[in-house]
C-alpha atoms as a PDB file:
ATOM      1  CA  UNK A   1       0.000   0.000   0.000  1.00  0.00           C
ATOM      2  CA  UNK A   2       1.276   3.439  -0.874  1.00  0.00           C
ATOM      3  CA  UNK A   3      -1.239   5.922   0.549  1.00  0.00           C
ATOM      4  CA  UNK A   4      -4.419   5.614   2.635  1.00  0.00           C
ATOM      5  CA  UNK A   5      -7.153   8.183   2.053  1.00  0.00           C
ATOM      6  CA  UNK A   6      -9.623   8.176   4.924  1.00  0.00           C
ATOM      7  CA  UNK A   7     -11.465  11.082   6.514  1.00  0.00           C
ATOM      8  CA  UNK A   8     -10.966   9.442   9.926  1.00  0.00           C
ATOM      9  CA  UNK A   9      -7.226  10.082   9.795  1.00  0.00           C
ATOM     10  CA  UNK A  10      -6.202  13.356  11.496  1.00  0.00           C
ATOM     11  CA  UNK A  11      -4.010  14.297   8.513  1.00  0.00           C
ATOM     12  CA  UNK A  12      -6.987  14.179   6.098  1.00  0.00           C
ATOM     13  CA  UNK A  13      -7.941  17.678   4.943  1.00  0.00           C
ATOM     14  CA  UNK A  14     -11.593  17.200   5.973  1.00  0.00           C
ATOM     15  CA  UNK A  15     -10.939  15.480   9.296  1.00  0.00           C
ATOM     16  CA  UNK A  16     -11.952  18.402  11.526  1.00  0.00           C
ATOM     17  CA  UNK A  17     -15.126  19.103   9.537  1.00  0.00           C
ATOM     18  CA  UNK A  18     -16.136  15.456   9.709  1.00  0.00           C
ATOM     19  CA  UNK A  19     -15.327  15.238  13.411  1.00  0.00           C
ATOM     20  CA  UNK A  20     -17.611  18.220  14.100  1.00  0.00           C
ATOM     21  CA  UNK A  21     -20.460  17.185  11.811  1.00  0.00           C
ATOM     22  CA  UNK A  22     -20.639  13.403  12.273  1.00  0.00           C
ATOM     23  CA  UNK A  23     -20.656  10.862  15.074  1.00  0.00           C
ATOM     24  CA  UNK A  24     -18.201   8.607  13.231  1.00  0.00           C
ATOM     25  CA  UNK A  25     -16.033   8.564  10.155  1.00  0.00           C
ATOM     26  CA  UNK A  26     -17.729   5.843   8.139  1.00  0.00           C
ATOM     27  CA  UNK A  27     -16.454   2.732   6.471  1.00  0.00           C
ATOM     28  CA  UNK A  28     -15.222   4.028   3.115  1.00  0.00           C
ATOM     29  CA  UNK A  29     -11.459   3.874   2.675  1.00  0.00           C
ATOM     30  CA  UNK A  30      -9.504   4.611  -0.470  1.00  0.00           C
ATOM     31  CA  UNK A  31      -5.916   3.609  -0.946  1.00  0.00           C
ATOM     32  CA  UNK A  32      -3.282   3.539  -3.613  1.00  0.00           C
ATOM     33  CA  UNK A  33      -0.760   0.857  -4.379  1.00  0.00           C
ATOM     34  CA  UNK A  34       2.767   1.668  -5.498  1.00  0.00           C
ATOM     35  CA  UNK A  35       2.449   0.162  -8.989  1.00  0.00           C
ATOM     36  CA  UNK A  36      -0.564  -0.096 -11.297  1.00  0.00           C
ATOM     37  CA  UNK A  37       0.372  -3.738 -11.975  1.00  0.00           C
ATOM     38  CA  UNK A  38      -0.433  -4.513  -8.329  1.00  0.00           C
ATOM     39  CA  UNK A  39      -4.127  -3.670  -8.785  1.00  0.00           C
ATOM     40  CA  UNK A  40      -4.900  -6.799 -10.821  1.00  0.00           C
ATOM     41  CA  UNK A  41      -3.110  -9.036  -8.323  1.00  0.00           C
ATOM     42  CA  UNK A  42      -5.063  -7.467  -5.457  1.00  0.00           C
ATOM     43  CA  UNK A  43      -8.445  -7.814  -7.154  1.00  0.00           C
ATOM     44  CA  UNK A  44      -7.771 -11.368  -8.340  1.00  0.00           C
ATOM     45  CA  UNK A  45      -6.527 -12.702  -5.015  1.00  0.00           C
ATOM     46  CA  UNK A  46      -8.801 -11.261  -2.346  1.00  0.00           C
ATOM     47  CA  UNK A  47     -10.620 -14.073  -0.574  1.00  0.00           C
ATOM     48  CA  UNK A  48     -13.081 -12.293   1.725  1.00  0.00           C
ATOM     49  CA  UNK A  49     -13.498  -8.887   0.101  1.00  0.00           C
ATOM     50  CA  UNK A  50     -15.529  -8.932  -3.126  1.00  0.00           C
ATOM     51  CA  UNK A  51     -14.656  -6.952  -6.252  1.00  0.00           C
ATOM     52  CA  UNK A  52     -17.896  -5.154  -7.119  1.00  0.00           C
ATOM     53  CA  UNK A  53     -19.365  -2.411  -9.288  1.00  0.00           C
ATOM     54  CA  UNK A  54     -21.317  -0.909  -6.398  1.00  0.00           C
ATOM     55  CA  UNK A  55     -20.311  -0.383  -2.787  1.00  0.00           C
ATOM     56  CA  UNK A  56     -23.842  -0.725  -1.424  1.00  0.00           C
ATOM     57  CA  UNK A  57     -23.766  -4.073   0.390  1.00  0.00           C
ATOM     58  CA  UNK A  58     -23.230  -5.124   4.006  1.00  0.00           C
ATOM     59  CA  UNK A  59     -20.217  -7.212   3.012  1.00  0.00           C
ATOM     60  CA  UNK A  60     -16.765  -5.743   2.379  1.00  0.00           C
ATOM     61  CA  UNK A  61     -16.513  -4.629  -1.238  1.00  0.00           C
ATOM     62  CA  UNK A  62     -13.743  -3.106  -3.339  1.00  0.00           C
ATOM     63  CA  UNK A  63     -13.850  -1.147  -6.595  1.00  0.00           C
ATOM     64  CA  UNK A  64     -11.334   0.091  -9.140  1.00  0.00           C
ATOM     65  CA  UNK A  65     -12.669   3.587  -9.944  1.00  0.00           C
ATOM     66  CA  UNK A  66     -10.378   4.112 -12.939  1.00  0.00           C
ATOM     67  CA  UNK A  67     -12.261   1.526 -15.005  1.00  0.00           C
ATOM     68  CA  UNK A  68     -15.573   1.427 -13.178  1.00  0.00           C
ATOM     69  CA  UNK A  69     -17.195   4.491 -11.645  1.00  0.00           C
ATOM     70  CA  UNK A  70     -14.915   7.144 -13.188  1.00  0.00           C
ATOM     71  CA  UNK A  71     -14.084   5.686 -16.605  1.00  0.00           C
ATOM     72  CA  UNK A  72     -16.187   8.254 -18.504  1.00  0.00           C
ATOM     73  CA  UNK A  73     -14.500  11.220 -16.819  1.00  0.00           C
ATOM     74  CA  UNK A  74     -11.719  12.848 -18.866  1.00  0.00           C
ATOM     75  CA  UNK A  75      -8.226  11.759 -17.799  1.00  0.00           C
ATOM     76  CA  UNK A  76      -7.173  15.306 -16.853  1.00  0.00           C
ATOM     77  CA  UNK A  77     -10.132  15.612 -14.466  1.00  0.00           C
ATOM     78  CA  UNK A  78      -9.533  12.149 -13.004  1.00  0.00           C
ATOM     79  CA  UNK A  79      -5.896  12.994 -12.335  1.00  0.00           C
ATOM     80  CA  UNK A  80      -6.846  16.273 -10.652  1.00  0.00           C
ATOM     81  CA  UNK A  81      -9.247  14.337  -8.417  1.00  0.00           C
ATOM     82  CA  UNK A  82      -6.658  11.671  -7.600  1.00  0.00           C
ATOM     83  CA  UNK A  83      -8.435   8.912  -9.518  1.00  0.00           C
ATOM     84  CA  UNK A  84      -5.543   7.108 -11.136  1.00  0.00           C
ATOM     85  CA  UNK A  85      -4.559   3.594 -12.168  1.00  0.00           C
ATOM     86  CA  UNK A  86      -3.274   2.812  -8.637  1.00  0.00           C
ATOM     87  CA  UNK A  87      -6.418   3.815  -6.656  1.00  0.00           C
ATOM     88  CA  UNK A  88      -8.779   1.310  -5.039  1.00  0.00           C
ATOM     89  CA  UNK A  89     -11.860   2.043  -2.908  1.00  0.00           C
ATOM     90  CA  UNK A  90     -12.863  -0.231  -0.076  1.00  0.00           C
ATOM     91  CA  UNK A  91     -16.236  -0.289   1.650  1.00  0.00           C
ATOM     92  CA  UNK A  92     -15.683  -2.076   4.955  1.00  0.00           C
ATOM     93  CA  UNK A  93     -18.495  -4.487   5.742  1.00  0.00           C
ATOM     94  CA  UNK A  94     -19.729  -6.371   8.764  1.00  0.00           C
ATOM     95  CA  UNK A  95     -17.052  -9.063   8.785  1.00  0.00           C
ATOM     96  CA  UNK A  96     -14.616  -9.250  11.680  1.00  0.00           C
ATOM     97  CA  UNK A  97     -11.983  -6.515  11.400  1.00  0.00           C
ATOM     98  CA  UNK A  98      -9.126  -9.005  11.787  1.00  0.00           C
ATOM     99  CA  UNK A  99     -10.464 -11.056   8.848  1.00  0.00           C
ATOM    100  CA  UNK A 100     -10.633  -7.992   6.598  1.00  0.00           C
ATOM    101  CA  UNK A 101      -7.116  -6.951   7.618  1.00  0.00           C
ATOM    102  CA  UNK A 102      -5.793 -10.475   7.008  1.00  0.00           C
ATOM    103  CA  UNK A 103      -7.333 -10.535   3.530  1.00  0.00           C
ATOM    104  CA  UNK A 104      -5.694  -7.235   2.628  1.00  0.00           C
ATOM    105  CA  UNK A 105      -2.361  -8.281   4.119  1.00  0.00           C
ATOM    106  CA  UNK A 106      -2.233 -11.492   2.099  1.00  0.00           C
ATOM    107  CA  UNK A 107      -2.560  -9.575  -1.200  1.00  0.00           C
ATOM    108  CA  UNK A 108      -0.430  -6.578  -0.313  1.00  0.00           C
END
């Protein structure tokens, strides 16, 4: 993993706003990997977390915005927004935290 993007981290630019306006930080975490080639290995080898088009389930789901949700957006705009070929988005589900962590560790 290269970078974690999560509003619940104090270094996130919207941390203070979220802390004041919400009772929690939610279960949506984005992260980047160091090399684009790693994305395929991650998506192909997760055992618990499902690769999905939508992040609307109760189970842990992961998407690859570059080719899914943001594919129609011009490249220049995607880059400005940080949506690149190394970005993955994870919606943490109801599984045990240690199981989710173990699944990510075994692919990263």
